[in-house]
Amino acid sequence: MTVVVDDPLIAGMAIRRMLPLHESSRRLRELYPECPRVYGVAVMRDLSRRRWWPLEEAISAGRLQGMFDAAVAETGNRAAVAQQLAATLAHVVIGRVVPLLVLEGRAWDTGLENLWVHVDSEGAIDWVGVVDPVLRALPDDIHFSGRPSRIADATRDGIVALPNEAALTTWVAHRSHRALAPLFDQLVDISGGAISTVAMWHMVGAAVVGAATQVPLLSGCSEFVSMRRGQAVLDALAGFGLPVRGAGRAGKVLLN
C-alpha cells in the first residue's frame, strides 16, 4: 500500500497564484508519494527561506567547501565524499528536471542563478527551489489548448513554448551544462582532484538515463517518448563536448 507523506515544507507553501510549475510539481511529487521531495521543485516566493540558500553560493560563499570538509571529517574518505557531492549536484541541476521533460515535455530553468537548495539539520541538500517559475514547453502543451502558443506571456502565464522538442532538450542541456561546469570545477579544486570532471559528467549521463528509465515505470507514460527525450538531452550534452557517455548500454534505447 502506498503511504502518502504529509511533508511540512510542502504543506507550508503559501501559493498565491497557481502556475503551470505548481501543477507539474504536484504531479511529479505524486510519482513517489512516500518521499515527495524526490521529484519536482518549489517556487521560492511560496516559502520561508529558513535553511534555503542560492546554489551559486556553493561557489561564491564557500558552501561546497563547507559541505566537503564536514563530510570528510566524518568519513575520512575524500574520494567517496567528492563522488557523493558530484552525484548530488547532478541530481539537483539535471536529475530533477529530466523527469518533467520526459513526462510532460516541460522544463524549468536549471541555470545556476535560478536554483536554490534546502538543507536538512545535518547540512545535506534535500530539496530544490526556483526563483523564476516560468516553464518552457512544447507548442502542443495542454496549457495552450484552444489558443496559439505564440501569444503566451511568460509573466502572466508562467509558461512559454519553444519551437520543438529539439529546441527544448537542447535548452535543458545548455542551461544544465552552464550550471554544472563551475560546480564541478570547484569540486575538483576543493577535493584535490579526488575524482575527475570526466567521472562527474559520467554521473550526469547516469542521472539522465536513470530518470528517463524510471519515470515510465512510475507513471505509465510512454517509454519510447521518455527514451527519445532523454537521448536528445544526452546528444546535446555530448555535442557540447561533455563526456556523458560510458561504454555500457542502459535501458532499451538510451546509451550512456
C-alpha atoms as a PDB file:
ATOM      1  CA  MET A   1       0.000   0.000   0.000  1.00  0.00           C
ATOM      2  CA  THR A   2       1.278   3.475  -0.925  1.00  0.00           C
ATOM      3  CA  VAL A   3       1.988   5.698   2.038  1.00  0.00           C
ATOM      4  CA  VAL A   4       1.327   9.400   1.419  1.00  0.00           C
ATOM      5  CA  VAL A   5       3.676  11.567   3.458  1.00  0.00           C
ATOM      6  CA  ASP A   6       2.447  14.926   4.722  1.00  0.00           C
ATOM      7  CA  ASP A   7       5.662  16.860   4.240  1.00  0.00           C
ATOM      8  CA  PRO A   8       5.772  20.011   6.427  1.00  0.00           C
ATOM      9  CA  LEU A   9       7.676  22.096   3.879  1.00  0.00           C
ATOM     10  CA  ILE A  10       5.233  21.244   1.110  1.00  0.00           C
ATOM     11  CA  ALA A  11       2.212  21.688   3.387  1.00  0.00           C
ATOM     12  CA  GLY A  12       3.536  25.090   4.451  1.00  0.00           C
ATOM     13  CA  MET A  13       3.851  26.537   0.957  1.00  0.00           C
ATOM     14  CA  ALA A  14       1.841  29.753   0.530  1.00  0.00           C
ATOM     15  CA  ILE A  15       0.829  29.623  -3.137  1.00  0.00           C
ATOM     16  CA  ARG A  16      -0.802  32.929  -4.042  1.00  0.00           C
ATOM     17  CA  ARG A  17      -1.323  32.183  -7.732  1.00  0.00           C
ATOM     18  CA  MET A  18      -1.310  28.701  -9.224  1.00  0.00           C
ATOM     19  CA  LEU A  19       1.131  28.439 -12.112  1.00  0.00           C
ATOM     20  CA  PRO A  20       1.891  25.589 -14.517  1.00  0.00           C
ATOM     21  CA  LEU A  21       5.022  24.792 -12.487  1.00  0.00           C
ATOM     22  CA  HIS A  22       2.907  24.257  -9.356  1.00  0.00           C
ATOM     23  CA  GLU A  23       0.695  21.835 -11.247  1.00  0.00           C
ATOM     24  CA  SER A  24       3.638  19.995 -12.787  1.00  0.00           C
ATOM     25  CA  SER A  25       5.475  19.741  -9.466  1.00  0.00           C
ATOM     26  CA  ARG A  26       2.388  18.314  -7.799  1.00  0.00           C
ATOM     27  CA  ARG A  27       2.178  15.624 -10.472  1.00  0.00           C
ATOM     28  CA  LEU A  28       5.883  14.885 -10.065  1.00  0.00           C
ATOM     29  CA  ARG A  29       5.530  14.537  -6.286  1.00  0.00           C
ATOM     30  CA  GLU A  30       2.766  12.003  -6.884  1.00  0.00           C
ATOM     31  CA  LEU A  31       5.249   9.753  -8.685  1.00  0.00           C
ATOM     32  CA  TYR A  32       6.806   8.906  -5.333  1.00  0.00           C
ATOM     33  CA  PRO A  33       4.373   9.972  -2.589  1.00  0.00           C
ATOM     34  CA  GLU A  34       6.389   8.232   0.135  1.00  0.00           C
ATOM     35  CA  CYS A  35       9.214  10.753  -0.484  1.00  0.00           C
ATOM     36  CA  PRO A  36       7.519  13.748  -2.121  1.00  0.00           C
ATOM     37  CA  ARG A  37      10.680  15.873  -2.359  1.00  0.00           C
ATOM     38  CA  VAL A  38      12.455  13.418  -4.650  1.00  0.00           C
ATOM     39  CA  TYR A  39      10.780  14.824  -7.765  1.00  0.00           C
ATOM     40  CA  GLY A  40       9.722  18.357  -8.582  1.00  0.00           C
ATOM     41  CA  VAL A  41      10.785  21.712  -7.181  1.00  0.00           C
ATOM     42  CA  ALA A  42       9.389  24.505  -5.055  1.00  0.00           C
ATOM     43  CA  VAL A  43       8.814  28.116  -6.057  1.00  0.00           C
ATOM     44  CA  MET A  44      10.886  30.273  -3.738  1.00  0.00           C
ATOM     45  CA  ARG A  45       8.295  33.016  -3.337  1.00  0.00           C
ATOM     46  CA  ASP A  46       5.941  30.453  -1.778  1.00  0.00           C
ATOM     47  CA  LEU A  47       8.324  29.631   1.080  1.00  0.00           C
ATOM     48  CA  SER A  48      10.087  30.975   4.097  1.00  0.00           C
ATOM     49  CA  ARG A  49      13.818  30.855   3.424  1.00  0.00           C
ATOM     50  CA  ARG A  50      14.976  29.091   6.558  1.00  0.00           C
ATOM     51  CA  ARG A  51      17.636  26.540   5.610  1.00  0.00           C
ATOM     52  CA  TRP A  52      17.493  27.625   1.963  1.00  0.00           C
ATOM     53  CA  TRP A  53      20.425  29.158   0.070  1.00  0.00           C
ATOM     54  CA  PRO A  54      21.168  30.026  -3.582  1.00  0.00           C
ATOM     55  CA  LEU A  55      23.044  27.273  -5.355  1.00  0.00           C
ATOM     56  CA  GLU A  56      25.536  29.812  -6.701  1.00  0.00           C
ATOM     57  CA  GLU A  57      26.690  30.273  -3.093  1.00  0.00           C
ATOM     58  CA  ALA A  58      28.171  26.785  -3.362  1.00  0.00           C
ATOM     59  CA  ILE A  59      30.939  28.637  -5.187  1.00  0.00           C
ATOM     60  CA  SER A  60      30.727  32.289  -4.137  1.00  0.00           C
ATOM     61  CA  ALA A  61      30.221  31.730  -0.402  1.00  0.00           C
ATOM     62  CA  GLY A  62      32.254  28.555   0.020  1.00  0.00           C
ATOM     63  CA  ARG A  63      29.279  26.366   0.882  1.00  0.00           C
ATOM     64  CA  LEU A  64      30.536  23.475  -1.228  1.00  0.00           C
ATOM     65  CA  GLN A  65      33.850  23.649   0.603  1.00  0.00           C
ATOM     66  CA  GLY A  66      31.992  23.543   3.918  1.00  0.00           C
ATOM     67  CA  MET A  67      29.934  20.530   2.872  1.00  0.00           C
ATOM     68  CA  PHE A  68      33.043  18.721   1.654  1.00  0.00           C
ATOM     69  CA  ASP A  69      35.059  19.449   4.785  1.00  0.00           C
ATOM     70  CA  ALA A  70      32.238  18.371   7.105  1.00  0.00           C
ATOM     71  CA  ALA A  71      31.720  15.086   5.257  1.00  0.00           C
ATOM     72  CA  VAL A  72      35.444  14.316   5.122  1.00  0.00           C
ATOM     73  CA  ALA A  73      35.758  14.989   8.849  1.00  0.00           C
ATOM     74  CA  GLU A  74      33.054  12.385   9.409  1.00  0.00           C
ATOM     75  CA  THR A  75      34.123   9.714   6.922  1.00  0.00           C
ATOM     76  CA  GLY A  76      37.787  10.365   6.202  1.00  0.00           C
ATOM     77  CA  ASN A  77      37.294   9.335   2.557  1.00  0.00           C
ATOM     78  CA  ARG A  78      37.855  12.276   0.204  1.00  0.00           C
ATOM     79  CA  ALA A  79      37.079  10.347  -2.982  1.00  0.00           C
ATOM     80  CA  ALA A  80      33.786   8.969  -1.651  1.00  0.00           C
ATOM     81  CA  VAL A  81      32.721  12.411  -0.419  1.00  0.00           C
ATOM     82  CA  ALA A  82      33.589  14.043  -3.751  1.00  0.00           C
ATOM     83  CA  GLN A  83      31.648  11.344  -5.593  1.00  0.00           C
ATOM     84  CA  GLN A  84      28.590  11.799  -3.376  1.00  0.00           C
ATOM     85  CA  LEU A  85      28.642  15.581  -3.761  1.00  0.00           C
ATOM     86  CA  ALA A  86      29.010  15.313  -7.541  1.00  0.00           C
ATOM     87  CA  ALA A  87      26.032  12.935  -7.693  1.00  0.00           C
ATOM     88  CA  THR A  88      24.016  15.328  -5.520  1.00  0.00           C
ATOM     89  CA  LEU A  89      24.818  18.295  -7.755  1.00  0.00           C
ATOM     90  CA  ALA A  90      23.922  16.300 -10.870  1.00  0.00           C
ATOM     91  CA  HIS A  91      20.557  15.383  -9.331  1.00  0.00           C
ATOM     92  CA  VAL A  92      19.878  18.943  -8.152  1.00  0.00           C
ATOM     93  CA  VAL A  93      20.518  20.508 -11.546  1.00  0.00           C
ATOM     94  CA  ILE A  94      19.515  17.970 -14.207  1.00  0.00           C
ATOM     95  CA  GLY A  95      18.273  14.851 -12.443  1.00  0.00           C
ATOM     96  CA  ARG A  96      15.150  16.666 -11.245  1.00  0.00           C
ATOM     97  CA  VAL A  97      14.190  18.419 -14.470  1.00  0.00           C
ATOM     98  CA  VAL A  98      14.515  15.392 -16.777  1.00  0.00           C
ATOM     99  CA  PRO A  99      11.505  13.635 -15.186  1.00  0.00           C
ATOM    100  CA  LEU A 100       9.305  16.608 -16.092  1.00  0.00           C
ATOM    101  CA  LEU A 101      10.846  16.827 -19.545  1.00  0.00           C
ATOM    102  CA  VAL A 102      10.176  13.181 -20.359  1.00  0.00           C
ATOM    103  CA  LEU A 103       6.760  13.095 -18.670  1.00  0.00           C
ATOM    104  CA  GLU A 104       5.177  16.355 -19.854  1.00  0.00           C
ATOM    105  CA  GLY A 105       7.539  17.956 -22.354  1.00  0.00           C
ATOM    106  CA  ARG A 106       8.133  20.832 -19.945  1.00  0.00           C
ATOM    107  CA  ALA A 107      11.210  22.164 -18.139  1.00  0.00           C
ATOM    108  CA  TRP A 108      12.102  24.835 -15.615  1.00  0.00           C
ATOM    109  CA  ASP A 109      15.266  26.907 -15.927  1.00  0.00           C
ATOM    110  CA  THR A 110      18.211  24.988 -14.436  1.00  0.00           C
ATOM    111  CA  GLY A 111      20.547  27.977 -14.592  1.00  0.00           C
ATOM    112  CA  LEU A 112      22.817  28.372 -11.569  1.00  0.00           C
ATOM    113  CA  GLU A 113      21.324  31.758 -10.714  1.00  0.00           C
ATOM    114  CA  ASN A 114      17.793  30.336 -10.719  1.00  0.00           C
ATOM    115  CA  LEU A 115      18.261  27.398  -8.341  1.00  0.00           C
ATOM    116  CA  TRP A 116      18.098  27.354  -4.538  1.00  0.00           C
ATOM    117  CA  VAL A 117      18.623  24.343  -2.306  1.00  0.00           C
ATOM    118  CA  HIS A 118      17.156  23.369   1.049  1.00  0.00           C
ATOM    119  CA  VAL A 119      19.343  21.575   3.582  1.00  0.00           C
ATOM    120  CA  ASP A 120      18.379  19.328   6.462  1.00  0.00           C
ATOM    121  CA  SER A 121      19.591  19.620  10.046  1.00  0.00           C
ATOM    122  CA  GLU A 122      22.879  17.958   9.070  1.00  0.00           C
ATOM    123  CA  GLY A 123      23.507  20.291   6.131  1.00  0.00           C
ATOM    124  CA  ALA A 124      22.639  17.805   3.373  1.00  0.00           C
ATOM    125  CA  ILE A 125      20.628  19.022   0.374  1.00  0.00           C
ATOM    126  CA  ASP A 126      17.134  17.536   0.415  1.00  0.00           C
ATOM    127  CA  TRP A 127      15.043  19.793  -1.843  1.00  0.00           C
ATOM    128  CA  VAL A 128      15.355  22.324  -4.646  1.00  0.00           C
ATOM    129  CA  GLY A 129      13.577  25.586  -5.442  1.00  0.00           C
ATOM    130  CA  VAL A 130      13.495  28.017  -8.352  1.00  0.00           C
ATOM    131  CA  VAL A 131      13.342  31.800  -8.309  1.00  0.00           C
ATOM    132  CA  ASP A 132      11.851  32.129 -11.794  1.00  0.00           C
ATOM    133  CA  PRO A 133       8.941  29.675 -12.143  1.00  0.00           C
ATOM    134  CA  VAL A 134       8.444  30.112 -15.899  1.00  0.00           C
ATOM    135  CA  LEU A 135       8.372  26.793 -17.742  1.00  0.00           C
ATOM    136  CA  ARG A 136       9.493  26.138 -21.283  1.00  0.00           C
ATOM    137  CA  ALA A 137       7.213  23.730 -23.085  1.00  0.00           C
ATOM    138  CA  LEU A 138       6.330  22.216 -26.436  1.00  0.00           C
ATOM    139  CA  PRO A 139       3.905  24.048 -28.742  1.00  0.00           C
ATOM    140  CA  ASP A 140       1.247  21.327 -28.280  1.00  0.00           C
ATOM    141  CA  ASP A 141       1.319  21.604 -24.472  1.00  0.00           C
ATOM    142  CA  ILE A 142      -2.123  21.250 -22.887  1.00  0.00           C
ATOM    143  CA  HIS A 143      -1.779  24.773 -21.473  1.00  0.00           C
ATOM    144  CA  PHE A 144      -2.051  26.177 -24.991  1.00  0.00           C
ATOM    145  CA  SER A 145      -5.176  24.219 -25.908  1.00  0.00           C
ATOM    146  CA  GLY A 146      -7.554  26.409 -27.878  1.00  0.00           C
ATOM    147  CA  ARG A 147      -5.137  29.278 -28.386  1.00  0.00           C
ATOM    148  CA  PRO A 148      -1.882  29.814 -30.264  1.00  0.00           C
ATOM    149  CA  SER A 149       1.173  29.085 -28.128  1.00  0.00           C
ATOM    150  CA  ARG A 150       2.965  32.049 -29.660  1.00  0.00           C
ATOM    151  CA  ILE A 151       0.795  34.533 -27.741  1.00  0.00           C
ATOM    152  CA  ALA A 152       1.681  33.123 -24.306  1.00  0.00           C
ATOM    153  CA  ASP A 153       3.159  35.710 -21.956  1.00  0.00           C
ATOM    154  CA  ALA A 154       5.788  34.394 -19.541  1.00  0.00           C
ATOM    155  CA  THR A 155       4.955  36.818 -16.735  1.00  0.00           C
ATOM    156  CA  ARG A 156       1.215  36.264 -16.983  1.00  0.00           C
ATOM    157  CA  ASP A 157       1.040  32.583 -17.886  1.00  0.00           C
ATOM    158  CA  GLY A 158       4.185  31.168 -16.317  1.00  0.00           C
ATOM    159  CA  ILE A 159       4.905  29.135 -19.449  1.00  0.00           C
ATOM    160  CA  VAL A 160       6.226  29.781 -22.937  1.00  0.00           C
ATOM    161  CA  ALA A 161       6.596  27.476 -25.925  1.00  0.00           C
ATOM    162  CA  LEU A 162       9.835  26.607 -27.638  1.00  0.00           C
ATOM    163  CA  PRO A 163       9.618  25.668 -31.321  1.00  0.00           C
ATOM    164  CA  ASN A 164      10.019  21.904 -30.997  1.00  0.00           C
ATOM    165  CA  GLU A 165      11.381  19.025 -28.930  1.00  0.00           C
ATOM    166  CA  ALA A 166      14.925  19.516 -30.206  1.00  0.00           C
ATOM    167  CA  ALA A 167      14.909  23.138 -29.049  1.00  0.00           C
ATOM    168  CA  LEU A 168      13.565  22.174 -25.624  1.00  0.00           C
ATOM    169  CA  THR A 169      16.022  19.355 -24.969  1.00  0.00           C
ATOM    170  CA  THR A 170      18.951  21.449 -26.203  1.00  0.00           C
ATOM    171  CA  TRP A 171      17.904  24.319 -23.919  1.00  0.00           C
ATOM    172  CA  VAL A 172      17.755  21.984 -20.913  1.00  0.00           C
ATOM    173  CA  ALA A 173      21.174  20.569 -21.761  1.00  0.00           C
ATOM    174  CA  HIS A 174      22.700  24.018 -22.288  1.00  0.00           C
ATOM    175  CA  ARG A 175      21.364  25.554 -19.080  1.00  0.00           C
ATOM    176  CA  SER A 176      22.359  22.468 -17.083  1.00  0.00           C
ATOM    177  CA  HIS A 177      25.837  22.470 -18.592  1.00  0.00           C
ATOM    178  CA  ARG A 178      26.348  26.133 -17.692  1.00  0.00           C
ATOM    179  CA  ALA A 179      25.270  25.439 -14.113  1.00  0.00           C
ATOM    180  CA  LEU A 180      27.204  22.223 -13.531  1.00  0.00           C
ATOM    181  CA  ALA A 181      30.527  23.137 -15.145  1.00  0.00           C
ATOM    182  CA  PRO A 182      31.606  25.692 -12.499  1.00  0.00           C
ATOM    183  CA  LEU A 183      30.269  23.497  -9.695  1.00  0.00           C
ATOM    184  CA  PHE A 184      32.289  20.530 -10.903  1.00  0.00           C
ATOM    185  CA  ASP A 185      35.398  22.675 -11.379  1.00  0.00           C
ATOM    186  CA  GLN A 186      35.039  23.902  -7.806  1.00  0.00           C
ATOM    187  CA  LEU A 187      34.587  20.374  -6.510  1.00  0.00           C
ATOM    188  CA  VAL A 188      37.748  19.216  -8.275  1.00  0.00           C
ATOM    189  CA  ASP A 189      39.656  22.076  -6.664  1.00  0.00           C
ATOM    190  CA  ILE A 190      38.427  21.581  -3.105  1.00  0.00           C
ATOM    191  CA  SER A 191      38.800  17.798  -3.256  1.00  0.00           C
ATOM    192  CA  GLY A 192      42.320  17.986  -4.639  1.00  0.00           C
ATOM    193  CA  GLY A 193      41.256  16.052  -7.716  1.00  0.00           C
ATOM    194  CA  ALA A 194      39.866  13.137  -5.688  1.00  0.00           C
ATOM    195  CA  ILE A 195      37.674  12.396  -8.693  1.00  0.00           C
ATOM    196  CA  SER A 196      37.882  13.822 -12.204  1.00  0.00           C
ATOM    197  CA  THR A 197      35.460  16.044 -14.065  1.00  0.00           C
ATOM    198  CA  VAL A 198      35.118  13.210 -16.597  1.00  0.00           C
ATOM    199  CA  ALA A 199      33.778  10.976 -13.828  1.00  0.00           C
ATOM    200  CA  MET A 200      31.384  13.731 -12.755  1.00  0.00           C
ATOM    201  CA  TRP A 201      29.978  14.140 -16.268  1.00  0.00           C
ATOM    202  CA  HIS A 202      29.502  10.371 -16.442  1.00  0.00           C
ATOM    203  CA  MET A 203      27.310  10.809 -13.343  1.00  0.00           C
ATOM    204  CA  VAL A 204      25.282  13.400 -15.236  1.00  0.00           C
ATOM    205  CA  GLY A 205      24.743  10.907 -18.037  1.00  0.00           C
ATOM    206  CA  ALA A 206      23.694   8.297 -15.500  1.00  0.00           C
ATOM    207  CA  ALA A 207      21.251  10.769 -13.914  1.00  0.00           C
ATOM    208  CA  VAL A 208      19.599  11.413 -17.291  1.00  0.00           C
ATOM    209  CA  VAL A 209      19.408   7.711 -18.111  1.00  0.00           C
ATOM    210  CA  GLY A 210      18.077   6.858 -14.654  1.00  0.00           C
ATOM    211  CA  ALA A 211      15.322   9.445 -14.807  1.00  0.00           C
ATOM    212  CA  ALA A 212      14.268   8.573 -18.353  1.00  0.00           C
ATOM    213  CA  THR A 213      14.136   4.892 -17.426  1.00  0.00           C
ATOM    214  CA  GLN A 214      12.407   5.237 -14.062  1.00  0.00           C
ATOM    215  CA  VAL A 215       9.640   7.738 -14.863  1.00  0.00           C
ATOM    216  CA  PRO A 216       7.722   5.453 -17.282  1.00  0.00           C
ATOM    217  CA  LEU A 217       7.765   2.732 -14.617  1.00  0.00           C
ATOM    218  CA  LEU A 218       6.289   5.112 -12.042  1.00  0.00           C
ATOM    219  CA  SER A 219       3.827   6.984 -14.250  1.00  0.00           C
ATOM    220  CA  GLY A 220       2.857   4.673 -17.080  1.00  0.00           C
ATOM    221  CA  CYS A 221       3.897   7.281 -19.641  1.00  0.00           C
ATOM    222  CA  SER A 222       5.352   6.278 -22.996  1.00  0.00           C
ATOM    223  CA  GLU A 223       8.694   4.535 -22.603  1.00  0.00           C
ATOM    224  CA  PHE A 224       9.537   5.399 -26.205  1.00  0.00           C
ATOM    225  CA  VAL A 225       8.909   9.135 -25.735  1.00  0.00           C
ATOM    226  CA  SER A 226      10.811   9.143 -22.463  1.00  0.00           C
ATOM    227  CA  MET A 227      13.806   7.412 -24.007  1.00  0.00           C
ATOM    228  CA  ARG A 228      13.752   9.682 -27.058  1.00  0.00           C
ATOM    229  CA  ARG A 229      13.771  12.848 -24.964  1.00  0.00           C
ATOM    230  CA  GLY A 230      16.428  11.533 -22.606  1.00  0.00           C
ATOM    231  CA  GLN A 231      18.553  10.535 -25.584  1.00  0.00           C
ATOM    232  CA  ALA A 232      18.163  14.034 -27.049  1.00  0.00           C
ATOM    233  CA  VAL A 233      19.487  15.590 -23.840  1.00  0.00           C
ATOM    234  CA  LEU A 234      22.469  13.229 -23.871  1.00  0.00           C
ATOM    235  CA  ASP A 235      23.087  14.017 -27.547  1.00  0.00           C
ATOM    236  CA  ALA A 236      23.070  17.749 -26.817  1.00  0.00           C
ATOM    237  CA  LEU A 237      25.439  17.387 -23.850  1.00  0.00           C
ATOM    238  CA  ALA A 238      27.771  15.230 -25.933  1.00  0.00           C
ATOM    239  CA  GLY A 239      27.563  17.838 -28.680  1.00  0.00           C
ATOM    240  CA  PHE A 240      28.913  20.395 -26.208  1.00  0.00           C
ATOM    241  CA  GLY A 241      31.955  18.150 -25.817  1.00  0.00           C
ATOM    242  CA  LEU A 242      30.925  16.693 -22.448  1.00  0.00           C
ATOM    243  CA  PRO A 243      31.843  13.073 -21.636  1.00  0.00           C
ATOM    244  CA  VAL A 244      28.383  11.958 -20.540  1.00  0.00           C
ATOM    245  CA  ARG A 245      28.528   8.608 -22.266  1.00  0.00           C
ATOM    246  CA  GLY A 246      30.162   5.467 -20.925  1.00  0.00           C
ATOM    247  CA  ALA A 247      30.870   2.161 -22.567  1.00  0.00           C
ATOM    248  CA  GLY A 248      27.728   0.383 -21.402  1.00  0.00           C
ATOM    249  CA  ARG A 249      24.162   0.318 -22.559  1.00  0.00           C
ATOM    250  CA  ALA A 250      21.353   1.371 -20.240  1.00  0.00           C
ATOM    251  CA  GLY A 251      17.746   0.591 -20.982  1.00  0.00           C
ATOM    252  CA  LYS A 252      16.499  -0.314 -24.432  1.00  0.00           C
ATOM    253  CA  VAL A 253      17.347   2.889 -26.253  1.00  0.00           C
ATOM    254  CA  LEU A 254      19.488   5.176 -24.112  1.00  0.00           C
ATOM    255  CA  LEU A 255      23.237   4.868 -24.450  1.00  0.00           C
ATOM    256  CA  ASN A 256      25.317   6.115 -21.545  1.00  0.00           C
END
